[in-house]
Amino acid sequence: MSRMAILAAALAAKQGRDAPGITTPACRDRATQRKDTTRVRIVPRGVEEMFRQRFRLCYRVEGDARFLSHHDLMRLWHRALRRSGLPLRMSEGFHVRPRVSFAMARGVGIASESEWLEFELSDWVNPDTVHREVAPQLPAGIAIRELHVVAPSDRAVVRRIVYRVRPERLPDDVDRRIAEFLDRPAAVVERGGQARRRRIDIRPLVASLERRGDELWIVALCRSDGSLRPEEVLAQLGFESEAVARSLVTRVESRIGPEQP
């Protein structure tokens, strides 16, 4: 498309006039320095796009990839989806990016067998094709487990998480410590820095806590006002900070449910 056509489309959008059917190339991916093949449709003001195909994807995080932060994972998935060449639905504005939403952030150092994200396409694509195009773009330690097509209006949120904790060594009286923790009416911890320190009772967030051999299994409830951090439970059980840092924590399962009004 010519430069004059692009300027005319931008001027029409600014003045509130429709500019149907005008497309502009997506921004260059600065991280990879590769031209992005996805094209962004300029939708007239107040007009919804006619087609949206929404995918829900479950993936695992293992090995060294567990040390990636949540923001690192966001950038990783944006790049992988761009490189796949799929007809992605993109955000609006100057900083165009794929429409991707993550069900819940994952703490640094926590491995996971059940992480969820959702993204949308602007044209129908077979789910097997989506899996085949996206999987090779992922680095070692990140792998797709499940891929489903869901309704465009469907928004899933994590309701419950199952953690498996493998300390280097369990105390001899760990069963007694677990029983005492479960019998407590409250377990208050402090979060945040000096400027924004706040106290949170994590006891209502622990649905169950048990020992299975040399492992601890925690079922945590997720609420709108907060979620459980496994290291806080270990601290409440009397583990030293070094022992907490050396424990291998894995999200075994993330149970999702519909978005509540």
C-alpha atoms as a PDB file:
ATOM      1  CA  MET A   1       0.000   0.000   0.000  1.00  0.00           C
ATOM      2  CA  SER A   2       1.237   3.446  -0.868  1.00  0.00           C
ATOM      3  CA  ARG A   3       2.299   6.035   1.674  1.00  0.00           C
ATOM      4  CA  MET A   4      -0.532   8.330   0.652  1.00  0.00           C
ATOM      5  CA  ALA A   5      -3.079   5.596   1.336  1.00  0.00           C
ATOM      6  CA  ILE A   6      -1.641   5.040   4.821  1.00  0.00           C
ATOM      7  CA  LEU A   7      -1.774   8.771   5.584  1.00  0.00           C
ATOM      8  CA  ALA A   8      -5.338   8.989   4.284  1.00  0.00           C
ATOM      9  CA  ALA A   9      -6.407   6.090   6.507  1.00  0.00           C
ATOM     10  CA  ALA A  10      -4.775   7.663   9.583  1.00  0.00           C
ATOM     11  CA  LEU A  11      -6.409  11.028   8.868  1.00  0.00           C
ATOM     12  CA  ALA A  12      -9.810   9.431   8.373  1.00  0.00           C
ATOM     13  CA  ALA A  13      -9.524   7.544  11.669  1.00  0.00           C
ATOM     14  CA  LYS A  14      -8.497  10.737  13.495  1.00  0.00           C
ATOM     15  CA  GLN A  15     -11.484  12.637  12.129  1.00  0.00           C
ATOM     16  CA  GLY A  16     -13.887   9.819  13.001  1.00  0.00           C
ATOM     17  CA  ARG A  17     -14.577   8.703   9.416  1.00  0.00           C
ATOM     18  CA  ASP A  18     -14.560   5.030   8.492  1.00  0.00           C
ATOM     19  CA  ALA A  19     -11.663   3.550   6.597  1.00  0.00           C
ATOM     20  CA  PRO A  20     -12.794  -0.051   5.972  1.00  0.00           C
ATOM     21  CA  GLY A  21     -10.424  -2.566   4.513  1.00  0.00           C
ATOM     22  CA  ILE A  22      -7.240  -0.537   5.024  1.00  0.00           C
ATOM     23  CA  THR A  23      -4.331  -2.549   6.395  1.00  0.00           C
ATOM     24  CA  THR A  24      -0.881  -1.544   7.526  1.00  0.00           C
ATOM     25  CA  PRO A  25       2.173  -3.712   8.189  1.00  0.00           C
ATOM     26  CA  ALA A  26       2.756  -4.697  11.802  1.00  0.00           C
ATOM     27  CA  CYS A  27       5.753  -3.279  13.674  1.00  0.00           C
ATOM     28  CA  ARG A  28       9.138  -4.896  13.197  1.00  0.00           C
ATOM     29  CA  ASP A  29      10.011  -7.277  15.988  1.00  0.00           C
ATOM     30  CA  ARG A  30      12.943  -5.455  17.594  1.00  0.00           C
ATOM     31  CA  ALA A  31      14.045  -8.527  19.533  1.00  0.00           C
ATOM     32  CA  THR A  32      14.506 -10.749  16.500  1.00  0.00           C
ATOM     33  CA  GLN A  33      15.024  -8.089  13.808  1.00  0.00           C
ATOM     34  CA  ARG A  34      12.729 -10.107  11.551  1.00  0.00           C
ATOM     35  CA  LYS A  35       9.919  -8.613   9.532  1.00  0.00           C
ATOM     36  CA  ASP A  36       6.624  -9.674  11.032  1.00  0.00           C
ATOM     37  CA  THR A  37       4.317 -11.156   8.410  1.00  0.00           C
ATOM     38  CA  THR A  38       1.152 -10.455  10.382  1.00  0.00           C
ATOM     39  CA  ARG A  39      -0.951  -7.600   9.031  1.00  0.00           C
ATOM     40  CA  VAL A  40      -3.051  -5.383  11.238  1.00  0.00           C
ATOM     41  CA  ARG A  41      -6.534  -4.395  10.155  1.00  0.00           C
ATOM     42  CA  ILE A  42      -7.646  -0.843  10.954  1.00  0.00           C
ATOM     43  CA  VAL A  43     -11.188  -1.348  12.245  1.00  0.00           C
ATOM     44  CA  PRO A  44     -13.585   1.621  11.848  1.00  0.00           C
ATOM     45  CA  ARG A  45     -14.520   3.257  15.148  1.00  0.00           C
ATOM     46  CA  GLY A  46     -17.380   1.436  16.862  1.00  0.00           C
ATOM     47  CA  VAL A  47     -17.246  -1.545  14.503  1.00  0.00           C
ATOM     48  CA  GLU A  48     -16.316  -4.989  15.837  1.00  0.00           C
ATOM     49  CA  GLU A  49     -14.332  -7.450  13.786  1.00  0.00           C
ATOM     50  CA  MET A  50     -16.564 -10.088  12.239  1.00  0.00           C
ATOM     51  CA  PHE A  51     -14.529 -13.184  13.192  1.00  0.00           C
ATOM     52  CA  ARG A  52     -12.595 -14.199  16.298  1.00  0.00           C
ATOM     53  CA  GLN A  53     -11.174 -17.635  16.984  1.00  0.00           C
ATOM     54  CA  ARG A  54     -10.051 -17.963  20.589  1.00  0.00           C
ATOM     55  CA  PHE A  55      -7.579 -20.610  21.750  1.00  0.00           C
ATOM     56  CA  ARG A  56      -6.815 -21.766  25.269  1.00  0.00           C
ATOM     57  CA  LEU A  57      -3.343 -23.251  25.620  1.00  0.00           C
ATOM     58  CA  CYS A  58      -1.787 -25.202  28.478  1.00  0.00           C
ATOM     59  CA  TYR A  59       1.999 -25.422  28.638  1.00  0.00           C
ATOM     60  CA  ARG A  60       4.726 -26.639  30.974  1.00  0.00           C
ATOM     61  CA  VAL A  61       7.772 -24.810  32.326  1.00  0.00           C
ATOM     62  CA  GLU A  62      10.745 -26.914  33.374  1.00  0.00           C
ATOM     63  CA  GLY A  63      14.526 -26.905  33.667  1.00  0.00           C
ATOM     64  CA  ASP A  64      16.277 -23.543  33.502  1.00  0.00           C
ATOM     65  CA  ALA A  65      13.146 -21.978  31.992  1.00  0.00           C
ATOM     66  CA  ARG A  66      11.622 -21.890  35.480  1.00  0.00           C
ATOM     67  CA  PHE A  67      13.924 -18.978  36.303  1.00  0.00           C
ATOM     68  CA  LEU A  68      12.237 -16.793  33.662  1.00  0.00           C
ATOM     69  CA  SER A  69      10.092 -14.042  35.121  1.00  0.00           C
ATOM     70  CA  HIS A  70       6.461 -13.541  34.172  1.00  0.00           C
ATOM     71  CA  HIS A  71       7.383 -10.597  31.926  1.00  0.00           C
ATOM     72  CA  ASP A  72      10.061 -12.705  30.228  1.00  0.00           C
ATOM     73  CA  LEU A  73       7.439 -15.361  29.488  1.00  0.00           C
ATOM     74  CA  MET A  74       5.077 -12.748  28.087  1.00  0.00           C
ATOM     75  CA  ARG A  75       7.722 -11.535  25.642  1.00  0.00           C
ATOM     76  CA  LEU A  76       8.654 -15.123  24.804  1.00  0.00           C
ATOM     77  CA  TRP A  77       5.083 -16.020  23.834  1.00  0.00           C
ATOM     78  CA  HIS A  78       4.576 -12.801  21.876  1.00  0.00           C
ATOM     79  CA  ARG A  79       7.642 -13.591  19.782  1.00  0.00           C
ATOM     80  CA  ALA A  80       6.728 -17.259  19.329  1.00  0.00           C
ATOM     81  CA  LEU A  81       3.233 -16.402  18.114  1.00  0.00           C
ATOM     82  CA  ARG A  82       4.569 -13.748  15.734  1.00  0.00           C
ATOM     83  CA  ARG A  83       7.085 -16.156  14.241  1.00  0.00           C
ATOM     84  CA  SER A  84       4.423 -18.822  13.728  1.00  0.00           C
ATOM     85  CA  GLY A  85       2.882 -16.812  10.870  1.00  0.00           C
ATOM     86  CA  LEU A  86      -0.670 -17.361  12.169  1.00  0.00           C
ATOM     87  CA  PRO A  87      -3.330 -14.678  11.481  1.00  0.00           C
ATOM     88  CA  LEU A  88      -3.166 -13.169  14.965  1.00  0.00           C
ATOM     89  CA  ARG A  89      -5.612 -10.636  16.289  1.00  0.00           C
ATOM     90  CA  MET A  90      -3.471  -7.730  17.408  1.00  0.00           C
ATOM     91  CA  SER A  91      -3.854  -4.905  19.890  1.00  0.00           C
ATOM     92  CA  GLU A  92      -4.529  -1.372  18.708  1.00  0.00           C
ATOM     93  CA  GLY A  93      -2.349   1.707  18.958  1.00  0.00           C
ATOM     94  CA  PHE A  94       1.266   2.383  18.085  1.00  0.00           C
ATOM     95  CA  HIS A  95       2.760  -0.593  19.980  1.00  0.00           C
ATOM     96  CA  VAL A  96       1.013  -3.454  18.224  1.00  0.00           C
ATOM     97  CA  ARG A  97       1.257  -6.857  19.876  1.00  0.00           C
ATOM     98  CA  PRO A  98      -0.721 -10.130  19.831  1.00  0.00           C
ATOM     99  CA  ARG A  99      -3.816 -10.291  21.994  1.00  0.00           C
ATOM    100  CA  VAL A 100      -2.581 -12.735  24.633  1.00  0.00           C
ATOM    101  CA  SER A 101      -3.874 -13.116  28.181  1.00  0.00           C
ATOM    102  CA  PHE A 102      -2.280 -15.213  30.927  1.00  0.00           C
ATOM    103  CA  ALA A 103      -4.460 -16.915  33.512  1.00  0.00           C
ATOM    104  CA  MET A 104      -2.020 -16.318  36.382  1.00  0.00           C
ATOM    105  CA  ALA A 105       1.532 -15.152  36.922  1.00  0.00           C
ATOM    106  CA  ARG A 106       4.139 -17.710  37.961  1.00  0.00           C
ATOM    107  CA  GLY A 107       6.804 -16.978  40.548  1.00  0.00           C
ATOM    108  CA  VAL A 108      10.467 -17.040  39.525  1.00  0.00           C
ATOM    109  CA  GLY A 109      12.042 -20.429  40.210  1.00  0.00           C
ATOM    110  CA  ILE A 110       8.752 -22.341  40.227  1.00  0.00           C
ATOM    111  CA  ALA A 111       8.432 -25.127  37.679  1.00  0.00           C
ATOM    112  CA  SER A 112       4.994 -25.850  36.291  1.00  0.00           C
ATOM    113  CA  GLU A 113       3.144 -28.612  34.520  1.00  0.00           C
ATOM    114  CA  SER A 114       0.001 -26.546  34.045  1.00  0.00           C
ATOM    115  CA  GLU A 115       0.251 -22.925  32.891  1.00  0.00           C
ATOM    116  CA  TRP A 116      -2.612 -21.395  30.894  1.00  0.00           C
ATOM    117  CA  LEU A 117      -2.814 -18.624  28.323  1.00  0.00           C
ATOM    118  CA  GLU A 118      -5.349 -17.521  25.714  1.00  0.00           C
ATOM    119  CA  PHE A 119      -4.910 -15.836  22.333  1.00  0.00           C
ATOM    120  CA  GLU A 120      -7.082 -14.996  19.341  1.00  0.00           C
ATOM    121  CA  LEU A 121      -6.879 -15.381  15.570  1.00  0.00           C
ATOM    122  CA  SER A 122      -8.624 -13.251  12.950  1.00  0.00           C
ATOM    123  CA  ASP A 123      -9.306 -16.226  10.674  1.00  0.00           C
ATOM    124  CA  TRP A 124     -10.190 -19.874  11.236  1.00  0.00           C
ATOM    125  CA  VAL A 125      -7.212 -22.227  11.561  1.00  0.00           C
ATOM    126  CA  ASN A 126      -7.265 -25.933  12.377  1.00  0.00           C
ATOM    127  CA  PRO A 127      -6.032 -26.493  15.985  1.00  0.00           C
ATOM    128  CA  ASP A 128      -3.581 -29.139  14.764  1.00  0.00           C
ATOM    129  CA  THR A 129      -2.068 -26.538  12.424  1.00  0.00           C
ATOM    130  CA  VAL A 130      -1.790 -24.034  15.268  1.00  0.00           C
ATOM    131  CA  HIS A 131       0.044 -26.580  17.422  1.00  0.00           C
ATOM    132  CA  ARG A 132       2.345 -27.527  14.542  1.00  0.00           C
ATOM    133  CA  GLU A 133       3.266 -23.914  13.770  1.00  0.00           C
ATOM    134  CA  VAL A 134       3.731 -22.656  17.339  1.00  0.00           C
ATOM    135  CA  ALA A 135       5.561 -25.593  18.972  1.00  0.00           C
ATOM    136  CA  PRO A 136       8.839 -25.240  16.972  1.00  0.00           C
ATOM    137  CA  GLN A 137       9.089 -21.567  17.986  1.00  0.00           C
ATOM    138  CA  LEU A 138       9.368 -22.374  21.704  1.00  0.00           C
ATOM    139  CA  PRO A 139      12.745 -22.732  23.465  1.00  0.00           C
ATOM    140  CA  ALA A 140      13.904 -25.672  25.557  1.00  0.00           C
ATOM    141  CA  GLY A 141      11.985 -25.941  28.815  1.00  0.00           C
ATOM    142  CA  ILE A 142       8.704 -24.617  27.373  1.00  0.00           C
ATOM    143  CA  ALA A 143       6.333 -27.140  25.785  1.00  0.00           C
ATOM    144  CA  ILE A 144       2.659 -27.195  24.794  1.00  0.00           C
ATOM    145  CA  ARG A 145       0.519 -29.732  26.651  1.00  0.00           C
ATOM    146  CA  GLU A 146      -3.026 -28.928  25.514  1.00  0.00           C
ATOM    147  CA  LEU A 147      -4.710 -26.664  22.976  1.00  0.00           C
ATOM    148  CA  HIS A 148      -8.461 -26.018  22.830  1.00  0.00           C
ATOM    149  CA  VAL A 149     -10.807 -23.754  20.891  1.00  0.00           C
ATOM    150  CA  VAL A 150     -13.135 -21.830  23.228  1.00  0.00           C
ATOM    151  CA  ALA A 151     -15.893 -19.295  22.759  1.00  0.00           C
ATOM    152  CA  PRO A 152     -14.662 -15.733  22.060  1.00  0.00           C
ATOM    153  CA  SER A 153     -16.464 -14.499  25.181  1.00  0.00           C
ATOM    154  CA  ASP A 154     -15.027 -17.236  27.401  1.00  0.00           C
ATOM    155  CA  ARG A 155     -12.534 -16.048  30.002  1.00  0.00           C
ATOM    156  CA  ALA A 156     -11.045 -18.639  32.324  1.00  0.00           C
ATOM    157  CA  VAL A 157      -9.378 -17.838  35.625  1.00  0.00           C
ATOM    158  CA  VAL A 158      -7.393 -20.080  37.961  1.00  0.00           C
ATOM    159  CA  ARG A 159      -9.466 -21.176  40.965  1.00  0.00           C
ATOM    160  CA  ARG A 160      -7.166 -23.724  42.614  1.00  0.00           C
ATOM    161  CA  ILE A 161      -3.503 -24.706  42.318  1.00  0.00           C
ATOM    162  CA  VAL A 162      -1.808 -27.923  43.426  1.00  0.00           C
ATOM    163  CA  TYR A 163       1.843 -27.492  44.435  1.00  0.00           C
ATOM    164  CA  ARG A 164       4.452 -30.205  44.948  1.00  0.00           C
ATOM    165  CA  VAL A 165       7.369 -29.151  47.151  1.00  0.00           C
ATOM    166  CA  ARG A 166      10.580 -31.180  47.354  1.00  0.00           C
ATOM    167  CA  PRO A 167      12.848 -29.890  50.138  1.00  0.00           C
ATOM    168  CA  GLU A 168      16.391 -31.181  50.416  1.00  0.00           C
ATOM    169  CA  ARG A 169      15.423 -32.707  53.752  1.00  0.00           C
ATOM    170  CA  LEU A 170      12.202 -32.848  55.716  1.00  0.00           C
ATOM    171  CA  PRO A 171      12.379 -32.271  59.495  1.00  0.00           C
ATOM    172  CA  ASP A 172      11.700 -35.331  61.633  1.00  0.00           C
ATOM    173  CA  ASP A 173       8.685 -33.624  63.219  1.00  0.00           C
ATOM    174  CA  VAL A 174       7.209 -32.286  59.974  1.00  0.00           C
ATOM    175  CA  ASP A 175       3.918 -34.152  60.548  1.00  0.00           C
ATOM    176  CA  ARG A 176       3.470 -32.382  63.882  1.00  0.00           C
ATOM    177  CA  ARG A 177       4.258 -29.007  62.288  1.00  0.00           C
ATOM    178  CA  ILE A 178       1.697 -29.604  59.542  1.00  0.00           C
ATOM    179  CA  ALA A 179      -0.997 -30.541  62.064  1.00  0.00           C
ATOM    180  CA  GLU A 180      -0.280 -27.427  64.138  1.00  0.00           C
ATOM    181  CA  PHE A 181      -0.448 -25.207  61.064  1.00  0.00           C
ATOM    182  CA  LEU A 182      -3.789 -26.656  59.962  1.00  0.00           C
ATOM    183  CA  ASP A 183      -5.206 -26.206  63.472  1.00  0.00           C
ATOM    184  CA  ARG A 184      -4.292 -22.512  63.563  1.00  0.00           C
ATOM    185  CA  PRO A 185      -7.156 -20.073  62.941  1.00  0.00           C
ATOM    186  CA  ALA A 186      -4.823 -17.633  61.161  1.00  0.00           C
ATOM    187  CA  ALA A 187      -1.349 -17.459  59.632  1.00  0.00           C
ATOM    188  CA  VAL A 188      -0.382 -13.845  59.026  1.00  0.00           C
ATOM    189  CA  VAL A 189       2.557 -12.960  56.758  1.00  0.00           C
ATOM    190  CA  GLU A 190       3.968  -9.642  55.594  1.00  0.00           C
ATOM    191  CA  ARG A 191       4.393  -8.724  51.943  1.00  0.00           C
ATOM    192  CA  GLY A 192       5.782  -5.711  50.125  1.00  0.00           C
ATOM    193  CA  GLY A 193       8.603  -3.297  50.822  1.00  0.00           C
ATOM    194  CA  GLN A 194       8.957  -0.795  53.612  1.00  0.00           C
ATOM    195  CA  ALA A 195       6.795   1.791  51.836  1.00  0.00           C
ATOM    196  CA  ARG A 196       3.921  -0.571  51.032  1.00  0.00           C
ATOM    197  CA  ARG A 197       4.180  -3.345  53.597  1.00  0.00           C
ATOM    198  CA  ARG A 198       0.920  -5.154  54.284  1.00  0.00           C
ATOM    199  CA  ARG A 199      -0.204  -8.085  56.422  1.00  0.00           C
ATOM    200  CA  ILE A 200      -2.095 -10.997  54.849  1.00  0.00           C
ATOM    201  CA  ASP A 201      -3.683 -14.044  56.449  1.00  0.00           C
ATOM    202  CA  ILE A 202      -2.729 -16.996  54.216  1.00  0.00           C
ATOM    203  CA  ARG A 203      -4.495 -19.676  56.289  1.00  0.00           C
ATOM    204  CA  PRO A 204      -7.818 -19.372  54.354  1.00  0.00           C
ATOM    205  CA  LEU A 205      -5.867 -19.855  51.104  1.00  0.00           C
ATOM    206  CA  VAL A 206      -4.597 -23.319  52.122  1.00  0.00           C
ATOM    207  CA  ALA A 207      -7.261 -25.886  51.232  1.00  0.00           C
ATOM    208  CA  SER A 208      -5.047 -28.825  52.208  1.00  0.00           C
ATOM    209  CA  LEU A 209      -1.467 -29.582  53.221  1.00  0.00           C
ATOM    210  CA  GLU A 210      -0.036 -33.062  53.532  1.00  0.00           C
ATOM    211  CA  ARG A 211       3.162 -35.045  53.424  1.00  0.00           C
ATOM    212  CA  ARG A 212       3.650 -37.710  50.759  1.00  0.00           C
ATOM    213  CA  GLY A 213       6.937 -39.478  51.320  1.00  0.00           C
ATOM    214  CA  ASP A 214       9.696 -36.893  51.024  1.00  0.00           C
ATOM    215  CA  GLU A 215       7.376 -34.307  49.426  1.00  0.00           C
ATOM    216  CA  LEU A 216       4.858 -31.753  50.638  1.00  0.00           C
ATOM    217  CA  TRP A 217       1.640 -31.298  48.665  1.00  0.00           C
ATOM    218  CA  ILE A 218      -0.286 -28.041  48.964  1.00  0.00           C
ATOM    219  CA  VAL A 219      -3.698 -27.290  47.489  1.00  0.00           C
ATOM    220  CA  ALA A 220      -4.055 -23.503  47.317  1.00  0.00           C
ATOM    221  CA  LEU A 221      -7.203 -21.496  46.679  1.00  0.00           C
ATOM    222  CA  CYS A 222      -7.003 -18.469  44.375  1.00  0.00           C
ATOM    223  CA  ARG A 223      -9.100 -15.438  45.210  1.00  0.00           C
ATOM    224  CA  SER A 224      -9.471 -11.981  43.781  1.00  0.00           C
ATOM    225  CA  ASP A 225      -7.814 -10.443  46.855  1.00  0.00           C
ATOM    226  CA  GLY A 226      -4.703 -12.619  46.751  1.00  0.00           C
ATOM    227  CA  SER A 227      -3.085 -15.983  46.117  1.00  0.00           C
ATOM    228  CA  LEU A 228      -0.802 -18.288  48.076  1.00  0.00           C
ATOM    229  CA  ARG A 229       2.985 -18.361  47.808  1.00  0.00           C
ATOM    230  CA  PRO A 230       4.427 -21.805  48.665  1.00  0.00           C
ATOM    231  CA  GLU A 231       7.527 -20.308  50.263  1.00  0.00           C
ATOM    232  CA  GLU A 232       5.293 -18.596  52.833  1.00  0.00           C
ATOM    233  CA  VAL A 233       3.834 -21.949  53.854  1.00  0.00           C
ATOM    234  CA  LEU A 234       7.329 -23.413  54.263  1.00  0.00           C
ATOM    235  CA  ALA A 235       8.313 -20.454  56.432  1.00  0.00           C
ATOM    236  CA  GLN A 236       5.209 -21.007  58.580  1.00  0.00           C
ATOM    237  CA  LEU A 237       6.297 -24.628  59.017  1.00  0.00           C
ATOM    238  CA  GLY A 238       9.628 -23.474  60.437  1.00  0.00           C
ATOM    239  CA  PHE A 239      11.909 -23.980  57.422  1.00  0.00           C
ATOM    240  CA  GLU A 240      14.991 -21.778  57.338  1.00  0.00           C
ATOM    241  CA  SER A 241      15.269 -19.296  54.455  1.00  0.00           C
ATOM    242  CA  GLU A 242      18.121 -21.246  52.858  1.00  0.00           C
ATOM    243  CA  ALA A 243      16.124 -24.489  52.999  1.00  0.00           C
ATOM    244  CA  VAL A 244      13.167 -22.681  51.383  1.00  0.00           C
ATOM    245  CA  ALA A 245      15.384 -21.368  48.584  1.00  0.00           C
ATOM    246  CA  ARG A 246      16.784 -24.853  47.882  1.00  0.00           C
ATOM    247  CA  SER A 247      13.351 -26.516  47.709  1.00  0.00           C
ATOM    248  CA  LEU A 248      12.037 -27.454  44.267  1.00  0.00           C
ATOM    249  CA  VAL A 249       8.486 -26.156  43.875  1.00  0.00           C
ATOM    250  CA  THR A 250       6.283 -27.347  41.003  1.00  0.00           C
ATOM    251  CA  ARG A 251       2.774 -26.377  40.002  1.00  0.00           C
ATOM    252  CA  VAL A 252       1.351 -29.806  39.310  1.00  0.00           C
ATOM    253  CA  GLU A 253      -2.132 -28.629  38.394  1.00  0.00           C
ATOM    254  CA  SER A 254      -3.925 -25.335  37.819  1.00  0.00           C
ATOM    255  CA  ARG A 255      -7.661 -25.838  37.911  1.00  0.00           C
ATOM    256  CA  ILE A 256      -9.466 -23.195  35.923  1.00  0.00           C
ATOM    257  CA  GLY A 257     -13.073 -22.074  36.043  1.00  0.00           C
ATOM    258  CA  PRO A 258     -15.313 -19.508  34.351  1.00  0.00           C
ATOM    259  CA  GLU A 259     -14.896 -15.823  35.034  1.00  0.00           C
ATOM    260  CA  GLN A 260     -17.253 -14.666  37.776  1.00  0.00           C
ATOM    261  CA  PRO A 261     -19.311 -11.488  37.314  1.00  0.00           C
END
